[in-house]
Protein backbone atom coordinates (compact mmCIF):
# COMPACT_ATOMS: atom_id res chain seq x y z
CA UNK A 1 94.39 79.70 136.40
CA UNK A 2 92.24 80.90 133.56
CA UNK A 3 88.62 82.05 133.56
CA UNK A 4 86.48 80.46 130.81
CA UNK A 5 82.81 79.77 130.10
CA UNK A 6 81.53 76.39 131.24
CA UNK A 7 81.19 75.35 127.58
CA UNK A 8 84.83 76.24 126.95
CA UNK A 9 85.82 74.22 130.03
CA UNK A 10 84.77 70.85 128.57
CA UNK A 11 87.76 68.51 128.72
CA UNK A 12 89.73 70.98 130.85
CA UNK A 13 90.99 70.58 134.44
CA UNK A 14 89.01 72.35 137.16
CA UNK A 15 91.25 74.66 139.22
CA UNK A 16 89.25 74.71 142.48
CA UNK A 17 86.47 72.96 144.41
CA UNK A 18 82.92 73.94 143.45
CA UNK A 19 80.32 73.93 146.22
CA UNK A 20 76.68 72.88 145.97
CA UNK A 21 73.99 74.02 148.41
CA UNK A 22 70.69 72.11 148.45
CA UNK A 23 68.15 73.95 150.60
CA UNK A 24 65.51 71.23 150.21
CA UNK A 25 67.83 68.53 151.53
CA UNK A 26 69.57 70.89 153.95
CA UNK A 27 73.00 69.98 152.61
CA UNK A 28 76.12 71.88 151.61
CA UNK A 29 79.18 70.20 150.18
CA UNK A 30 81.65 69.76 147.39
CA UNK A 31 80.06 69.09 144.00
CA UNK A 32 83.29 69.05 141.97
CA UNK A 33 86.84 68.62 143.21
CA UNK A 34 89.89 70.50 142.05
CA UNK A 35 91.57 68.44 139.35
CA UNK A 36 88.27 67.13 137.96
CA UNK A 37 88.02 67.07 134.17
CA UNK A 38 84.83 68.84 133.10
CA UNK A 39 82.44 66.71 131.05
CA UNK A 40 79.86 67.92 128.54
CA UNK A 41 77.14 66.13 130.54
CA UNK A 42 77.94 68.34 133.55
CA UNK A 43 77.34 71.71 131.88
CA UNK A 44 73.66 72.02 132.83
CA UNK A 45 74.40 71.03 136.42
CA UNK A 46 77.14 73.65 136.64
CA UNK A 47 74.75 76.27 135.32
CA UNK A 48 72.15 75.22 137.92
CA UNK A 49 74.80 76.01 140.53
CA UNK A 50 75.03 79.53 139.14
CA UNK A 51 78.26 78.90 137.25
CA UNK A 52 78.41 80.45 133.78
CA UNK A 53 82.17 80.79 134.02
CA UNK A 54 84.72 78.80 136.00
CA UNK A 55 88.47 78.67 136.56
CA UNK A 56 90.53 76.00 134.84
CA UNK A 57 94.20 75.11 135.20
CA UNK A 58 96.43 76.79 132.63
CA UNK A 59 99.92 76.08 133.97
CA UNK A 60 100.35 79.53 135.53
CA UNK A 61 101.66 78.84 139.05
CA UNK A 62 102.21 82.46 140.12
CA UNK A 63 100.62 82.82 143.53
CA UNK A 64 99.57 80.08 145.95
CA UNK A 65 96.31 78.17 145.50
CA UNK A 66 93.87 77.87 148.43
CA UNK A 67 94.46 74.11 148.75
CA UNK A 68 98.21 74.52 148.81
CA UNK A 69 97.97 77.37 151.32
CA UNK A 70 95.86 75.21 153.64
CA UNK A 71 98.22 72.24 153.34
CA UNK A 72 101.20 74.50 154.07
CA UNK A 73 99.56 76.10 157.10
CA UNK A 74 98.08 73.03 158.81
CA UNK A 75 101.30 71.39 160.07
CA UNK A 76 102.63 74.76 161.23
CA UNK A 77 99.53 75.62 163.26
CA UNK A 78 99.01 72.18 164.80
CA UNK A 79 100.82 71.58 168.08
CA UNK A 80 100.66 68.87 170.72
CA UNK A 81 97.67 66.54 170.48
CA UNK A 82 96.15 68.27 167.45
CA UNK A 83 95.22 66.36 164.29
CA UNK A 84 94.28 67.93 160.95
CA UNK A 85 92.78 66.91 157.62
CA UNK A 86 95.33 65.56 155.18
CA UNK A 87 93.14 66.61 152.26
CA UNK A 88 91.32 69.90 151.88
CA UNK A 89 87.61 70.27 151.21
CA UNK A 90 86.46 73.43 149.47
CA UNK A 91 89.88 74.92 150.20
CA UNK A 92 89.56 74.35 153.94
CA UNK A 93 91.44 72.19 156.42
CA UNK A 94 90.04 71.43 159.87
CA UNK A 95 91.84 70.69 163.14
CA UNK A 96 90.74 68.21 165.81
CA UNK A 97 91.59 67.25 169.39
CA UNK A 98 93.59 64.02 169.44
CA UNK A 99 92.85 63.44 173.14
CA UNK A 100 90.48 64.54 175.89
CA UNK A 101 92.00 67.64 177.44
CA UNK A 102 92.23 71.42 177.64
CA UNK A 103 92.24 73.29 174.33
CA UNK A 104 94.84 76.04 174.10
CA UNK A 105 95.34 78.72 171.46
CA UNK A 106 97.82 81.60 171.47
CA UNK A 107 95.25 84.38 171.17
CA UNK A 108 97.71 87.16 170.30
CA UNK A 109 99.22 85.26 167.38
CA UNK A 110 95.74 84.14 166.32
CA UNK A 111 94.73 87.80 166.02
CA UNK A 112 97.96 88.60 164.19
CA UNK A 113 97.34 85.88 161.63
CA UNK A 114 93.73 86.89 160.99
CA UNK A 115 94.72 90.56 160.65
CA UNK A 116 96.50 89.63 157.42
CA UNK A 117 93.05 89.83 155.83
CA UNK A 118 93.72 87.11 153.30
CA UNK A 119 93.82 84.32 155.88
CA UNK A 120 90.99 82.93 157.99
CA UNK A 121 91.63 80.77 161.06
CA UNK A 122 88.65 80.67 163.46
CA UNK A 123 88.88 78.52 166.60
CA UNK A 124 86.73 77.50 169.53
CA UNK A 125 87.40 79.38 172.76
CA UNK A 126 90.71 79.11 174.55
CA UNK A 127 90.77 77.02 177.77
CA UNK A 128 87.76 74.93 176.78
CA UNK A 129 87.69 71.30 177.86
CA UNK A 130 87.36 69.09 174.78
CA UNK A 131 86.74 65.46 173.96
CA UNK A 132 88.85 63.46 171.53
CA UNK A 133 87.73 64.12 167.96
CA UNK A 134 86.27 67.56 168.67
CA UNK A 135 86.87 70.09 165.89
CA UNK A 136 88.77 73.01 167.40
CA UNK A 137 89.77 75.16 164.40
CA UNK A 138 89.64 75.53 160.62
CA UNK A 139 91.88 77.32 158.13
CA UNK A 140 91.52 78.67 154.62
CA UNK A 141 92.51 81.70 152.61
CA UNK A 142 89.64 83.95 151.55
CA UNK A 143 90.56 84.34 147.85
CA UNK A 144 91.20 81.42 145.55
CA UNK A 145 94.87 82.38 145.26
CA UNK A 146 97.14 84.45 147.50
CA UNK A 147 100.53 86.01 147.01
CA UNK A 148 103.63 84.15 148.15
CA UNK A 149 104.41 87.00 150.56
CA UNK A 150 101.23 86.23 152.50
CA UNK A 151 102.33 82.67 153.15
CA UNK A 152 105.81 83.88 154.08
CA UNK A 153 104.17 86.00 156.78
CA UNK A 154 102.01 83.06 157.90
CA UNK A 155 105.17 81.01 158.37
CA UNK A 156 106.71 83.79 160.48
CA UNK A 157 103.64 84.00 162.73
CA UNK A 158 103.52 80.22 163.07
CA UNK A 159 107.19 79.85 163.98
CA UNK A 160 105.87 77.73 166.84
CA UNK A 161 102.51 75.90 166.76
CA UNK A 162 99.39 77.92 167.49
CA UNK A 163 97.01 75.18 168.68
CA UNK A 164 97.36 72.42 171.26
CA UNK A 165 95.44 70.24 173.71
CA UNK A 166 96.89 69.76 177.18
CA UNK A 167 96.16 66.35 178.68
CA UNK A 168 94.36 66.04 181.99
CA UNK A 169 97.20 65.34 184.42
CA UNK A 170 95.13 65.00 187.58
CA UNK A 171 93.77 61.48 187.97
CA UNK A 172 92.22 61.37 191.45
CA UNK A 173 89.93 63.56 193.53
CA UNK A 174 88.57 63.60 197.07
CA UNK A 175 85.19 65.08 198.01
CA UNK A 176 84.70 66.63 201.44
CA UNK A 177 81.13 67.65 202.26
CA UNK A 178 80.88 69.96 205.28
CA UNK A 179 77.77 70.82 207.23
CA UNK A 180 76.40 69.62 210.54
CA UNK A 181 72.89 69.42 209.09
CA UNK A 182 74.14 66.92 206.48
CA UNK A 183 76.43 65.08 208.90
CA UNK A 184 73.56 64.60 211.36
CA UNK A 185 71.20 63.39 208.62
CA UNK A 186 68.81 66.33 208.90
CA UNK A 187 69.13 66.91 205.15
CA UNK A 188 70.36 64.61 202.40
CA UNK A 189 73.69 65.33 200.75
CA UNK A 190 73.24 66.48 197.17
CA UNK A 191 76.84 67.50 196.54
CA UNK A 192 78.47 64.07 196.64
CA UNK A 193 76.54 62.41 193.79
CA UNK A 194 76.71 65.55 191.64
CA UNK A 195 80.46 66.03 192.09
CA UNK A 196 81.18 62.34 191.61
CA UNK A 197 79.32 62.43 188.29
CA UNK A 198 81.30 65.50 187.17
CA UNK A 199 84.59 63.84 188.08
CA UNK A 200 83.69 60.62 186.30
CA UNK A 201 82.78 62.56 183.14
CA UNK A 202 86.45 63.61 183.02
CA UNK A 203 87.75 60.14 183.86
CA UNK A 204 88.74 61.19 187.39
CA UNK A 205 88.74 58.53 190.12
CA UNK A 206 87.07 59.67 193.37
CA UNK A 207 89.32 58.05 195.99
CA UNK A 208 87.55 59.43 199.06
CA UNK A 209 84.16 60.90 199.84
CA UNK A 210 83.21 61.91 203.35
CA UNK A 211 80.81 64.12 205.27
CA UNK A 212 81.98 66.09 208.32
CA UNK A 213 80.31 68.53 210.74
CA UNK A 214 80.95 72.28 210.91
CA UNK A 215 83.92 71.86 213.23
CA UNK A 216 87.02 73.90 212.40
CA UNK A 217 89.50 71.29 213.62
CA UNK A 218 87.74 68.36 211.94
CA UNK A 219 87.48 70.15 208.59
CA UNK A 220 91.09 71.33 208.80
CA UNK A 221 92.42 67.84 209.53
CA UNK A 222 90.29 66.29 206.79
CA UNK A 223 91.58 68.78 204.20
CA UNK A 224 95.18 68.02 205.19
CA UNK A 225 94.62 64.28 204.98
CA UNK A 226 92.79 64.33 201.66
CA UNK A 227 95.38 66.64 200.06
CA UNK A 228 97.97 64.00 200.86
CA UNK A 229 96.09 61.19 199.15
CA UNK A 230 94.54 62.78 196.04
CA UNK A 231 95.41 65.11 193.17
CA UNK A 232 92.44 67.40 193.83
CA UNK A 233 90.36 68.18 196.92
CA UNK A 234 86.83 69.52 196.55
CA UNK A 235 85.07 70.83 199.64
CA UNK A 236 81.45 71.91 199.81
CA UNK A 237 79.30 73.89 202.21
CA UNK A 238 80.24 76.68 204.55
CA UNK A 239 81.35 79.11 201.84
CA UNK A 240 79.02 82.07 202.44
CA UNK A 241 78.96 84.70 205.19
CA UNK A 242 76.99 82.97 207.95
CA UNK A 243 78.72 82.59 211.36
CA UNK A 244 78.77 78.79 211.00
CA UNK A 245 80.50 78.95 207.60
CA UNK A 246 84.01 77.98 208.61
CA UNK A 247 85.17 75.99 205.55
CA UNK A 248 87.38 78.69 204.03
CA UNK A 249 89.10 79.34 207.37
CA UNK A 250 89.59 75.61 207.96
CA UNK A 251 91.15 75.29 204.50
CA UNK A 252 93.53 78.15 205.30
CA UNK A 253 94.47 76.56 208.62
CA UNK A 254 95.19 73.33 206.72
CA UNK A 255 97.76 75.17 204.62
CA UNK A 256 95.68 76.21 201.62
CA UNK A 257 96.83 79.50 200.14
CA UNK A 258 94.42 81.46 197.96
CA UNK A 259 94.99 83.58 194.89
CA UNK A 260 91.58 85.14 195.51
CA UNK A 261 88.69 84.34 197.84
CA UNK A 262 85.68 83.98 195.60
CA UNK A 263 85.48 84.61 191.86
CA UNK A 264 83.90 87.33 189.67
CA UNK A 265 81.59 84.71 188.15
CA UNK A 266 77.84 84.26 188.63
CA UNK A 267 76.55 81.75 189.51
CA UNK A 268 79.34 80.60 191.79
CA UNK A 269 80.73 83.83 193.27
CA UNK A 270 81.79 82.02 196.43
CA UNK A 271 83.83 79.38 194.63
CA UNK A 272 87.28 79.61 196.21
CA UNK A 273 90.41 78.03 194.77
CA UNK A 274 93.72 77.62 196.53
CA UNK A 275 96.67 75.27 196.75
CA UNK A 276 98.52 73.19 199.30
CA UNK A 277 101.90 73.21 197.59
CA UNK A 278 100.85 72.14 194.06
CA UNK A 279 97.61 70.36 195.04
CA UNK A 280 94.48 72.35 194.17
CA UNK A 281 91.87 72.61 196.92
CA UNK A 282 88.59 74.30 196.12
CA UNK A 283 85.41 75.19 197.98
CA UNK A 284 82.24 74.79 195.93
CA UNK A 285 79.22 76.94 196.88
CA UNK A 286 75.58 75.86 196.93
CA UNK A 287 74.99 77.42 193.51
CA UNK A 288 76.47 74.25 192.00
CA UNK A 289 73.47 72.30 193.31
CA UNK A 290 70.97 74.55 191.56
CA UNK A 291 72.63 75.58 188.29
CA UNK A 292 73.93 73.30 185.54
CA UNK A 293 77.05 75.42 185.03
CA UNK A 294 78.93 77.52 187.58
CA UNK A 295 82.45 78.74 188.24
CA UNK A 296 83.42 75.15 189.07
CA UNK A 297 82.65 74.00 185.53
CA UNK A 298 84.58 76.89 184.01
CA UNK A 299 87.74 76.29 186.05
CA UNK A 300 87.70 72.50 186.41
CA UNK A 301 89.29 71.67 183.01
CA UNK A 302 92.20 74.03 183.74
CA UNK A 303 92.69 72.54 187.18
CA UNK A 304 92.66 68.99 185.78
CA UNK A 305 95.24 69.97 183.15
CA UNK A 306 97.60 71.02 185.93
CA UNK A 307 97.38 74.76 185.30
CA UNK A 308 97.79 77.01 188.31
CA UNK A 309 94.96 79.53 188.07
CA UNK A 310 96.12 82.99 189.10
CA UNK A 311 94.35 86.06 190.44
CA UNK A 312 94.71 87.69 187.02
CA UNK A 313 93.15 84.63 185.35
CA UNK A 314 90.18 84.85 187.70
CA UNK A 315 89.75 88.60 187.22
CA UNK A 316 89.69 88.20 183.43
CA UNK A 317 86.79 85.78 183.74
CA UNK A 318 84.56 88.67 184.87
CA UNK A 319 84.11 89.52 181.17
CA UNK A 320 81.61 86.87 180.13
CA UNK A 321 81.38 85.64 183.71
CA UNK A 322 77.66 86.32 184.03
CA UNK A 323 75.53 83.35 182.99
CA UNK A 324 72.68 84.00 180.53
CA UNK A 325 70.43 81.73 182.64
CA UNK A 326 68.89 80.12 179.56
CA UNK A 327 65.76 78.02 180.01
CA UNK A 328 67.67 75.08 178.57
CA UNK A 329 71.36 75.02 179.50
CA UNK A 330 73.70 74.12 176.64
CA UNK A 331 76.97 74.78 178.47
CA UNK A 332 79.80 74.58 177.44
CA UNK A 333 78.56 75.50 173.96
CA UNK A 334 77.86 79.06 175.08
CA UNK A 335 79.80 82.24 175.97
CA UNK A 336 79.61 81.77 179.76
CA UNK A 337 83.04 82.00 181.33
CA UNK A 338 84.97 82.42 178.10
CA UNK A 339 86.74 85.62 179.22
């Protein structure tokens, strides 16, 4: 590349994308594309963009251009169910979810890559449930050109893909509402409709929904039965410390084994997750009726993707596990539960 005045650039090949920001229109985008031949009629426009000098191609290919660096990096970083731009814009390439699923990024290698200083690869949070087409990451180098050694190091770090989306493997769920007051019709069940809507938003088929009284044997038998006919069992009610709250004990008697009783997340401290063999069985506390986002919403995508959530996983969620209780909830586009 060679630096010249805009007047000297007439008839020459532009060596990089030039960006235009229009505050009045609220737009930002590419005004001129790399490879464009500068015209005399464009000089005043270039000057209005603050360009008195620009870079043109001069045949010197020492170093790696930002576009080439992005095109080299994209296929190395993209793993299962990740798509990326085939053409760069302003030196950047973006990555997208190819399917609905759980976004995964190797955080340690992500840090390693960004510590190079020359490279920039920001992502959305790890373990976030995403919809098909969602942008999950973007890559560029900070300077216009980087040394070959930088890209050699990028290739070493990306010896296996960095980004992926795990599909939701669980397809069916059963909802078990416990509570004699609900069973006897004293109060109306609010859990069933809410949980059904959450399941349907993930494409999960609710194959059974029933209400049972606070009877240890009845709850135990229902948990056993539902675990045998669905991929996921969600129980509600009876999760606090009152004498009549027997759900957790009934789940244990049914064969559910817990990594941890409760979670270090608020709201939703009393959310309890366990497994009968490989089938997840969880108890959802009353907080889920009042708050838009609780521990259930944080952990549900991981459960649906077939991940076994461990005690360590749950403990790590304490950092960022306190909701900001915003007046208008925008979850999951917020830091709640990101660890």
